[in-house]
């Protein structure tokens, strides 16, 4: 029996080795077929993509100085604009400060003028109107005294209106 078992194991081992050989042969054929497809693909890539890569490389090489020039110009323009804006800001700030000062001066001038007009009005009232009222009252008293002395009748108010001398009062 031991001999039979040995034959069975040898047969099983031979079958396994044969199966592995078949699998290896199938793998070899599959790899060879894939290699052929890959070589065709590589040839196609070399034929189509490499010229495009060369064209892109040439474009980038040609465009690099232009892009550098554009970047430099943009940087210089940005610096100039920033300087001009700072000048404009300083000028505008100065103009606003001056305008504010002039408005303050005009306000002070207008306030002083209004104060002087008020003072002048008070002075005119005190120097002209008060003596004028006093003179008017004195004249009314003299007129009434003369009327009484000469015996004239005193005037009666008409329709509730005051005496004509009263109308002159301000």
N, C-alpha and C. Protein backbone atom coordinates (compact mmCIF):
# COMPACT_ATOMS: atom_id res chain seq x y z
N UNK A 1 0.77 -1.18 0.00
CA UNK A 1 0.00 0.00 0.00
C UNK A 1 0.82 1.26 0.00
N UNK A 2 1.92 1.11 0.57
CA UNK A 2 2.75 2.30 0.58
C UNK A 2 3.19 2.65 -0.83
N UNK A 3 3.30 1.66 -1.63
CA UNK A 3 3.72 1.89 -3.00
C UNK A 3 2.61 2.59 -3.77
N UNK A 4 1.38 2.25 -3.48
CA UNK A 4 0.25 2.89 -4.17
C UNK A 4 0.14 4.36 -3.77
N UNK A 5 0.36 4.58 -2.54
CA UNK A 5 0.27 5.97 -2.08
C UNK A 5 1.37 6.81 -2.73
N UNK A 6 2.47 6.23 -2.87
CA UNK A 6 3.58 6.95 -3.48
C UNK A 6 3.25 7.25 -4.92
N UNK A 7 2.65 6.33 -5.63
CA UNK A 7 2.29 6.55 -7.03
C UNK A 7 1.21 7.64 -7.11
N UNK A 8 0.27 7.62 -6.16
CA UNK A 8 -0.80 8.64 -6.18
C UNK A 8 -0.20 10.01 -5.94
N UNK A 9 0.70 10.12 -5.03
CA UNK A 9 1.32 11.41 -4.76
C UNK A 9 2.18 11.87 -5.92
N UNK A 10 2.88 10.96 -6.56
CA UNK A 10 3.71 11.31 -7.72
C UNK A 10 2.80 11.77 -8.84
N UNK A 11 1.69 11.03 -9.05
CA UNK A 11 0.73 11.43 -10.09
C UNK A 11 0.14 12.81 -9.77
N UNK A 12 -0.24 13.04 -8.54
CA UNK A 12 -0.81 14.33 -8.15
C UNK A 12 0.23 15.43 -8.34
N UNK A 13 1.47 15.16 -7.99
CA UNK A 13 2.54 16.15 -8.15
C UNK A 13 2.77 16.41 -9.62
N UNK A 14 2.77 15.35 -10.45
CA UNK A 14 2.97 15.52 -11.89
C UNK A 14 1.82 16.34 -12.46
N UNK A 15 0.59 16.05 -12.01
CA UNK A 15 -0.57 16.82 -12.49
C UNK A 15 -0.46 18.28 -12.11
N UNK A 16 0.00 18.51 -10.87
CA UNK A 16 0.13 19.89 -10.41
C UNK A 16 1.21 20.61 -11.20
N UNK A 17 2.34 19.92 -11.46
CA UNK A 17 3.43 20.53 -12.23
C UNK A 17 2.94 20.82 -13.64
N UNK A 18 2.19 19.86 -14.25
CA UNK A 18 1.66 20.08 -15.60
C UNK A 18 0.70 21.27 -15.60
N UNK A 19 -0.17 21.33 -14.60
CA UNK A 19 -1.11 22.46 -14.50
C UNK A 19 -0.36 23.77 -14.36
N UNK A 20 0.69 23.81 -13.56
CA UNK A 20 1.49 25.02 -13.42
C UNK A 20 2.16 25.39 -14.73
N UNK A 21 2.64 24.35 -15.46
CA UNK A 21 3.27 24.63 -16.76
C UNK A 21 2.26 25.23 -17.71
N UNK A 22 1.03 24.73 -17.71
CA UNK A 22 -0.02 25.27 -18.59
C UNK A 22 -0.34 26.71 -18.20
N UNK A 23 -0.43 26.95 -16.89
CA UNK A 23 -0.72 28.31 -16.42
C UNK A 23 0.41 29.24 -16.83
N UNK A 24 1.65 28.81 -16.67
CA UNK A 24 2.80 29.63 -17.06
C UNK A 24 2.79 29.89 -18.57
N UNK A 25 2.43 28.88 -19.37
CA UNK A 25 2.37 29.06 -20.82
C UNK A 25 1.28 30.07 -21.16
N UNK A 26 0.12 29.98 -20.46
CA UNK A 26 -0.97 30.94 -20.72
C UNK A 26 -0.55 32.35 -20.32
N UNK A 27 0.15 32.45 -19.17
CA UNK A 27 0.64 33.76 -18.74
C UNK A 27 1.63 34.32 -19.75
N UNK A 28 2.53 33.45 -20.27
CA UNK A 28 3.50 33.90 -21.26
C UNK A 28 2.80 34.44 -22.49
N UNK A 29 1.81 33.71 -22.95
CA UNK A 29 1.08 34.16 -24.14
C UNK A 29 0.33 35.48 -23.88
N UNK A 30 -0.27 35.62 -22.68
CA UNK A 30 -1.00 36.83 -22.34
C UNK A 30 -0.04 38.02 -22.24
N UNK A 31 1.13 37.79 -21.62
CA UNK A 31 2.11 38.88 -21.50
C UNK A 31 2.64 39.26 -22.86
N UNK A 32 2.88 38.27 -23.72
CA UNK A 32 3.38 38.56 -25.07
C UNK A 32 2.35 39.37 -25.85
N UNK A 33 1.08 38.99 -25.71
CA UNK A 33 0.02 39.72 -26.40
C UNK A 33 -0.07 41.15 -25.84
N UNK A 34 -0.01 41.31 -24.51
CA UNK A 34 -0.04 42.65 -23.88
C UNK A 34 1.16 43.48 -24.30
N UNK A 35 2.31 42.83 -24.40
CA UNK A 35 3.52 43.54 -24.82
C UNK A 35 3.36 44.06 -26.23
N UNK A 36 2.78 43.28 -27.08
CA UNK A 36 2.56 43.73 -28.47
C UNK A 36 1.63 44.93 -28.49
N UNK A 37 0.55 44.85 -27.67
CA UNK A 37 -0.37 45.99 -27.61
C UNK A 37 0.31 47.22 -27.03
N UNK A 38 1.13 47.00 -26.01
CA UNK A 38 1.84 48.13 -25.39
C UNK A 38 2.82 48.76 -26.37
N UNK A 39 3.51 47.94 -27.14
CA UNK A 39 4.44 48.49 -28.13
C UNK A 39 3.69 49.30 -29.18
N UNK A 40 2.52 48.83 -29.58
CA UNK A 40 1.71 49.60 -30.53
C UNK A 40 1.27 50.93 -29.91
N UNK A 41 0.88 50.88 -28.65
CA UNK A 41 0.46 52.09 -27.95
C UNK A 41 1.61 53.07 -27.80
N UNK A 42 2.80 52.53 -27.47
CA UNK A 42 3.98 53.39 -27.32
C UNK A 42 4.32 54.03 -28.66
N UNK A 43 4.21 53.27 -29.72
CA UNK A 43 4.48 53.82 -31.05
C UNK A 43 3.49 54.94 -31.37
N UNK A 44 2.23 54.72 -31.04
CA UNK A 44 1.21 55.75 -31.29
C UNK A 44 1.46 57.00 -30.45
N UNK A 45 1.84 56.79 -29.18
CA UNK A 45 2.15 57.93 -28.30
C UNK A 45 3.33 58.71 -28.86
N UNK A 46 4.36 57.99 -29.29
CA UNK A 46 5.53 58.66 -29.88
C UNK A 46 5.12 59.43 -31.13
N UNK A 47 4.21 58.87 -31.88
CA UNK A 47 3.80 59.51 -33.13
C UNK A 47 2.91 60.73 -32.92
N UNK A 48 2.05 60.72 -31.88
CA UNK A 48 1.08 61.81 -31.69
C UNK A 48 1.42 62.74 -30.54
N UNK A 49 1.78 62.22 -29.39
CA UNK A 49 1.96 63.03 -28.19
C UNK A 49 3.29 63.76 -28.19
N UNK A 50 4.35 63.10 -28.60
CA UNK A 50 5.67 63.75 -28.55
C UNK A 50 5.75 65.00 -29.42
N UNK A 51 5.19 65.01 -30.64
CA UNK A 51 5.20 66.28 -31.38
C UNK A 51 4.41 67.38 -30.65
N UNK A 52 3.32 66.98 -30.02
CA UNK A 52 2.54 67.97 -29.26
C UNK A 52 3.34 68.49 -28.08
N UNK A 53 4.03 67.60 -27.40
CA UNK A 53 4.86 68.02 -26.28
C UNK A 53 5.96 68.95 -26.77
N UNK A 54 6.57 68.62 -27.91
CA UNK A 54 7.60 69.50 -28.48
C UNK A 54 7.02 70.87 -28.82
N UNK A 55 5.80 70.89 -29.40
CA UNK A 55 5.16 72.16 -29.74
C UNK A 55 4.88 72.98 -28.49
N UNK A 56 4.37 72.33 -27.44
CA UNK A 56 4.09 73.03 -26.18
C UNK A 56 5.39 73.54 -25.58
N UNK A 57 6.44 72.72 -25.63
CA UNK A 57 7.73 73.14 -25.08
C UNK A 57 8.25 74.37 -25.84
N UNK A 58 8.16 74.34 -27.16
CA UNK A 58 8.61 75.48 -27.96
C UNK A 58 7.77 76.72 -27.65
N UNK A 59 6.45 76.54 -27.51
CA UNK A 59 5.58 77.67 -27.18
C UNK A 59 5.95 78.28 -25.84
N UNK A 60 6.18 77.41 -24.85
CA UNK A 60 6.55 77.91 -23.52
C UNK A 60 7.90 78.61 -23.58
N UNK A 61 8.83 78.05 -24.33
CA UNK A 61 10.15 78.67 -24.46
C UNK A 61 10.03 80.04 -25.12
N UNK A 62 9.21 80.14 -26.16
CA UNK A 62 9.02 81.42 -26.85
C UNK A 62 8.24 82.42 -25.98
N UNK A 63 7.29 81.94 -25.20
CA UNK A 63 6.42 82.83 -24.43
C UNK A 63 7.05 83.29 -23.12
N UNK A 64 8.05 82.58 -22.63
CA UNK A 64 8.64 82.91 -21.34
C UNK A 64 9.16 84.34 -21.28
N UNK A 65 9.93 84.84 -22.26
CA UNK A 65 10.38 86.24 -22.17
C UNK A 65 9.20 87.22 -22.20
N UNK A 66 8.18 86.89 -22.99
CA UNK A 66 7.02 87.77 -23.07
C UNK A 66 6.27 87.80 -21.73
N UNK A 67 6.13 86.63 -21.13
CA UNK A 67 5.45 86.55 -19.83
C UNK A 67 6.27 87.29 -18.77
N UNK A 68 7.60 87.13 -18.81
CA UNK A 68 8.45 87.86 -17.87
C UNK A 68 8.30 89.36 -18.07
N UNK A 69 8.26 89.82 -19.34
CA UNK A 69 8.08 91.24 -19.64
C UNK A 69 6.73 91.73 -19.14
N UNK A 70 5.68 90.92 -19.37
CA UNK A 70 4.34 91.28 -18.90
C UNK A 70 4.32 91.41 -17.38
N UNK A 71 4.95 90.48 -16.70
CA UNK A 71 4.99 90.51 -15.24
C UNK A 71 5.73 91.75 -14.75
N UNK A 72 6.84 92.06 -15.39
CA UNK A 72 7.62 93.24 -15.01
C UNK A 72 6.80 94.50 -15.24
N UNK A 73 6.14 94.61 -16.39
CA UNK A 73 5.32 95.79 -16.69
C UNK A 73 4.17 95.92 -15.70
N UNK A 74 3.53 94.81 -15.35
CA UNK A 74 2.42 94.86 -14.39
C UNK A 74 2.92 95.32 -13.03
N UNK A 75 4.09 94.86 -12.64
CA UNK A 75 4.65 95.26 -11.35
C UNK A 75 4.98 96.76 -11.35
N UNK A 76 5.61 97.25 -12.42
CA UNK A 76 5.95 98.67 -12.51
C UNK A 76 4.68 99.52 -12.55
N UNK A 77 3.68 99.07 -13.31
CA UNK A 77 2.41 99.81 -13.38
C UNK A 77 1.75 99.87 -12.01
N UNK A 78 1.78 98.77 -11.32
CA UNK A 78 1.19 98.74 -9.97
C UNK A 78 1.90 99.72 -9.05
N UNK A 79 3.22 99.78 -9.12
CA UNK A 79 3.99 100.71 -8.30
C UNK A 79 3.65 102.15 -8.65
N UNK A 80 3.58 102.45 -9.96
CA UNK A 80 3.24 103.81 -10.39
C UNK A 80 1.84 104.20 -9.93
N UNK A 81 0.90 103.30 -10.09
CA UNK A 81 -0.47 103.60 -9.68
C UNK A 81 -0.53 103.83 -8.17
N UNK A 82 0.17 103.00 -7.41
CA UNK A 82 0.18 103.17 -5.96
C UNK A 82 0.76 104.53 -5.58
N UNK A 83 1.86 104.94 -6.24
CA UNK A 83 2.46 106.25 -5.96
C UNK A 83 1.50 107.38 -6.32
N UNK A 84 0.86 107.28 -7.48
CA UNK A 84 -0.08 108.32 -7.90
C UNK A 84 -1.27 108.41 -6.95
N UNK A 85 -1.74 107.25 -6.50
CA UNK A 85 -2.87 107.25 -5.56
C UNK A 85 -2.47 107.87 -4.22
N UNK A 86 -1.24 107.62 -3.78
CA UNK A 86 -0.82 108.23 -2.52
C UNK A 86 -0.68 109.74 -2.69
N UNK A 87 -0.19 110.20 -3.86
CA UNK A 87 -0.13 111.65 -4.13
C UNK A 87 -1.53 112.24 -4.16
N UNK A 88 -2.43 111.56 -4.86
CA UNK A 88 -3.81 112.04 -4.96
C UNK A 88 -4.46 112.11 -3.58
N UNK A 89 -4.19 111.09 -2.75
CA UNK A 89 -4.73 111.08 -1.39
C UNK A 89 -4.19 112.26 -0.59
N UNK A 90 -2.89 112.52 -0.71
CA UNK A 90 -2.29 113.65 0.01
C UNK A 90 -2.89 114.97 -0.47
N UNK A 91 -3.05 115.12 -1.80
CA UNK A 91 -3.63 116.35 -2.35
C UNK A 91 -5.07 116.51 -1.90
N UNK A 92 -5.83 115.46 -1.96
CA UNK A 92 -7.24 115.51 -1.55
C UNK A 92 -7.36 115.82 -0.07
N UNK A 93 -6.51 115.21 0.75
CA UNK A 93 -6.52 115.49 2.18
C UNK A 93 -6.19 116.94 2.45
N UNK A 94 -5.18 117.48 1.74
CA UNK A 94 -4.80 118.88 1.90
C UNK A 94 -5.96 119.80 1.49
N UNK A 95 -6.60 119.49 0.35
CA UNK A 95 -7.72 120.31 -0.11
C UNK A 95 -8.88 120.27 0.88
N UNK A 96 -9.15 119.09 1.43
CA UNK A 96 -10.23 118.98 2.42
C UNK A 96 -9.89 119.76 3.69
N UNK A 97 -8.63 119.70 4.11
CA UNK A 97 -8.22 120.46 5.30
C UNK A 97 -8.37 121.96 5.05
N UNK A 98 -7.93 122.40 3.88
CA UNK A 98 -8.06 123.83 3.55
C UNK A 98 -9.52 124.24 3.45
N UNK A 99 -10.33 123.42 2.83
CA UNK A 99 -11.76 123.72 2.72
C UNK A 99 -12.39 123.80 4.10
N UNK A 100 -12.05 122.85 4.94
CA UNK A 100 -12.58 122.85 6.31
C UNK A 100 -12.18 124.13 7.04
N UNK A 101 -10.90 124.56 6.87
CA UNK A 101 -10.42 125.79 7.49
C UNK A 101 -11.20 126.99 6.98
N UNK A 102 -11.42 127.05 5.64
CA UNK A 102 -12.15 128.18 5.06
C UNK A 102 -13.59 128.21 5.54
N UNK A 103 -14.20 127.05 5.69
CA UNK A 103 -15.58 126.98 6.19
C UNK A 103 -15.63 127.48 7.63
N UNK A 104 -14.63 127.09 8.43
CA UNK A 104 -14.57 127.57 9.82
C UNK A 104 -14.40 129.08 9.84
N UNK A 105 -13.51 129.60 8.98
CA UNK A 105 -13.31 131.06 8.92
C UNK A 105 -14.60 131.77 8.49
N UNK A 106 -15.26 131.24 7.47
CA UNK A 106 -16.51 131.85 7.01
C UNK A 106 -17.56 131.81 8.11
N UNK A 107 -17.62 130.72 8.85
CA UNK A 107 -18.58 130.62 9.95
C UNK A 107 -18.27 131.66 11.02
N UNK A 108 -16.99 131.79 11.36
CA UNK A 108 -16.60 132.79 12.35
C UNK A 108 -16.92 134.20 11.86
N UNK A 109 -16.64 134.47 10.57
CA UNK A 109 -16.92 135.79 10.00
C UNK A 109 -18.42 136.06 10.05
N UNK A 110 -19.22 135.09 9.66
CA UNK A 110 -20.67 135.25 9.68
C UNK A 110 -21.17 135.45 11.11
N UNK A 111 -20.61 134.71 12.05
CA UNK A 111 -21.01 134.87 13.46
C UNK A 111 -20.64 136.27 13.97
N UNK A 112 -19.42 136.72 13.66
CA UNK A 112 -19.02 138.08 14.08
C UNK A 112 -19.91 139.12 13.44
N UNK A 113 -20.22 138.94 12.14
CA UNK A 113 -21.08 139.92 11.45
C UNK A 113 -22.46 139.96 12.09
N UNK A 114 -23.02 138.79 12.37
CA UNK A 114 -24.34 138.74 13.00
C UNK A 114 -24.30 139.39 14.39
N UNK A 115 -23.22 139.13 15.14
CA UNK A 115 -23.08 139.76 16.46
C UNK A 115 -23.01 141.27 16.32
N UNK A 116 -22.24 141.76 15.34
CA UNK A 116 -22.12 143.22 15.14
C UNK A 116 -23.43 143.83 14.69
N UNK A 117 -24.16 143.12 13.82
CA UNK A 117 -25.47 143.63 13.40
C UNK A 117 -26.39 143.72 14.61
N UNK A 118 -26.33 142.72 15.47
CA UNK A 118 -27.16 142.74 16.67
C UNK A 118 -26.76 143.88 17.59
N UNK A 119 -25.44 144.05 17.77
CA UNK A 119 -24.95 145.16 18.61
C UNK A 119 -25.35 146.50 18.02
N UNK A 120 -25.20 146.64 16.69
CA UNK A 120 -25.56 147.89 16.03
C UNK A 120 -27.05 148.15 16.18
N UNK A 121 -27.86 147.11 16.06
CA UNK A 121 -29.30 147.25 16.24
C UNK A 121 -29.62 147.73 17.65
N UNK A 122 -28.93 147.14 18.65
CA UNK A 122 -29.13 147.58 20.03
C UNK A 122 -28.70 149.02 20.21
N UNK A 123 -27.55 149.38 19.64
CA UNK A 123 -27.04 150.76 19.75
C UNK A 123 -28.02 151.73 19.09
N UNK A 124 -28.51 151.39 17.88
CA UNK A 124 -29.45 152.27 17.18
C UNK A 124 -30.72 152.40 18.00
N UNK A 125 -31.16 151.31 18.55
CA UNK A 125 -32.38 151.34 19.36
C UNK A 125 -32.18 152.23 20.58
N UNK A 126 -31.04 152.07 21.24
CA UNK A 126 -30.79 152.85 22.47
C UNK A 126 -30.47 154.32 22.17
N UNK A 127 -29.75 154.60 21.08
CA UNK A 127 -29.34 155.99 20.82
C UNK A 127 -30.34 156.77 19.99
N UNK A 128 -31.10 156.10 19.13
CA UNK A 128 -32.03 156.82 18.26
C UNK A 128 -33.46 156.67 18.73
N UNK A 129 -33.90 155.46 18.95
CA UNK A 129 -35.32 155.22 19.22
C UNK A 129 -35.72 155.71 20.61
N UNK A 130 -34.91 155.44 21.64
CA UNK A 130 -35.27 155.89 22.99
C UNK A 130 -35.38 157.41 23.06
N UNK A 131 -34.37 158.16 22.57
CA UNK A 131 -34.53 159.62 22.59
C UNK A 131 -35.71 160.08 21.72
N UNK A 132 -35.93 159.38 20.59
CA UNK A 132 -37.05 159.75 19.73
C UNK A 132 -38.37 159.55 20.46
N UNK A 133 -38.51 158.50 21.22
CA UNK A 133 -39.71 158.30 22.02
C UNK A 133 -39.85 159.38 23.09
N UNK A 134 -38.71 159.67 23.69
CA UNK A 134 -38.76 160.72 24.72
C UNK A 134 -39.17 162.07 24.11
N UNK A 135 -38.59 162.37 22.93
CA UNK A 135 -38.94 163.63 22.25
C UNK A 135 -40.40 163.57 21.83
N UNK A 136 -40.86 162.44 21.34
CA UNK A 136 -42.26 162.28 20.93
C UNK A 136 -43.18 162.47 22.14
N UNK A 137 -42.83 161.88 23.27
CA UNK A 137 -43.63 162.05 24.48
C UNK A 137 -43.62 163.50 24.94
N UNK A 138 -42.48 164.15 24.87
CA UNK A 138 -42.36 165.56 25.26
C UNK A 138 -43.21 166.42 24.35
N UNK A 139 -43.18 166.12 23.03
CA UNK A 139 -43.97 166.90 22.07
C UNK A 139 -45.47 166.69 22.34
N UNK A 140 -45.84 165.43 22.66
CA UNK A 140 -47.25 165.16 22.96
C UNK A 140 -47.67 165.92 24.21
N UNK A 141 -46.79 165.96 25.21
CA UNK A 141 -47.11 166.69 26.44
C UNK A 141 -47.24 168.18 26.17
N UNK A 142 -46.32 168.74 25.40
CA UNK A 142 -46.38 170.17 25.07
C UNK A 142 -47.64 170.46 24.27
N UNK A 143 -47.95 169.58 23.29
CA UNK A 143 -49.14 169.78 22.47
C UNK A 143 -50.40 169.73 23.34
N UNK A 144 -50.46 168.77 24.25
CA UNK A 144 -51.62 168.67 25.13
C UNK A 144 -51.69 169.90 26.04
N UNK A 145 -50.53 170.32 26.56
CA UNK A 145 -50.50 171.51 27.43
C UNK A 145 -50.96 172.76 26.69
N UNK A 146 -50.50 172.90 25.43
CA UNK A 146 -50.90 174.07 24.63
C UNK A 146 -52.41 174.01 24.35
N UNK A 147 -52.91 172.79 24.01
CA UNK A 147 -54.35 172.64 23.74
C UNK A 147 -55.16 172.99 24.99
N UNK A 148 -54.74 172.53 26.12
CA UNK A 148 -55.47 172.82 27.36
C UNK A 148 -55.37 174.31 27.66
N UNK A 149 -54.20 174.87 27.50
CA UNK A 149 -54.00 176.28 27.80
C UNK A 149 -54.84 177.16 26.88
N UNK A 150 -54.93 176.81 25.62
CA UNK A 150 -55.70 177.60 24.67
C UNK A 150 -57.18 177.23 24.73
N UNK A 151 -57.52 176.19 25.45
CA UNK A 151 -58.90 175.82 25.64
C UNK A 151 -59.47 174.98 24.53
N UNK A 152 -58.68 174.39 23.78
CA UNK A 152 -59.19 173.48 22.75
C UNK A 152 -59.70 172.21 23.38
N UNK A 153 -60.65 171.66 22.69
CA UNK A 153 -61.18 170.39 23.17
C UNK A 153 -60.17 169.28 22.92
N UNK A 154 -60.29 168.40 23.79
CA UNK A 154 -59.43 167.24 23.60
C UNK A 154 -60.05 166.32 22.57
N UNK A 155 -59.28 165.74 21.70
CA UNK A 155 -59.81 164.86 20.65
C UNK A 155 -60.29 163.55 21.26
N UNK A 156 -61.44 163.11 20.78
CA UNK A 156 -61.99 161.83 21.24
C UNK A 156 -61.57 160.75 20.26
N UNK A 157 -61.27 159.60 20.76
CA UNK A 157 -60.91 158.50 19.84
C UNK A 157 -62.11 158.08 19.03
N UNK A 158 -61.87 157.75 17.74
CA UNK A 158 -62.93 157.32 16.84
C UNK A 158 -62.94 155.82 16.75
N UNK A 159 -64.11 155.26 16.98
CA UNK A 159 -64.33 153.83 16.84
C UNK A 159 -63.32 153.00 17.63
N UNK A 160 -63.00 153.39 18.78
CA UNK A 160 -62.12 152.62 19.63
C UNK A 160 -60.67 152.72 19.25
N UNK A 161 -60.32 153.56 18.29
CA UNK A 161 -58.91 153.69 17.90
C UNK A 161 -58.23 154.65 18.84
N UNK A 162 -56.96 154.47 18.98
CA UNK A 162 -56.21 155.31 19.90
C UNK A 162 -55.97 156.68 19.31
N UNK A 163 -55.38 157.52 20.08
CA UNK A 163 -55.04 158.88 19.68
C UNK A 163 -53.96 158.80 18.61
N UNK A 164 -53.97 159.66 17.57
CA UNK A 164 -53.01 159.57 16.49
C UNK A 164 -51.56 159.55 16.95
N UNK A 165 -51.26 160.19 18.10
CA UNK A 165 -49.88 160.18 18.57
C UNK A 165 -49.48 158.78 19.02
N UNK A 166 -50.42 157.99 19.45
CA UNK A 166 -50.10 156.65 19.90
C UNK A 166 -49.68 155.75 18.75
N UNK A 167 -50.12 156.08 17.54
CA UNK A 167 -49.78 155.25 16.39
C UNK A 167 -48.31 155.35 16.04
N UNK A 168 -47.65 156.41 16.46
CA UNK A 168 -46.25 156.62 16.12
C UNK A 168 -45.31 155.76 16.95
N UNK A 169 -45.82 155.24 18.05
CA UNK A 169 -44.96 154.44 18.91
C UNK A 169 -44.63 153.10 18.25
N UNK A 170 -43.43 152.69 18.42
CA UNK A 170 -42.99 151.44 17.82
C UNK A 170 -42.99 150.36 18.87
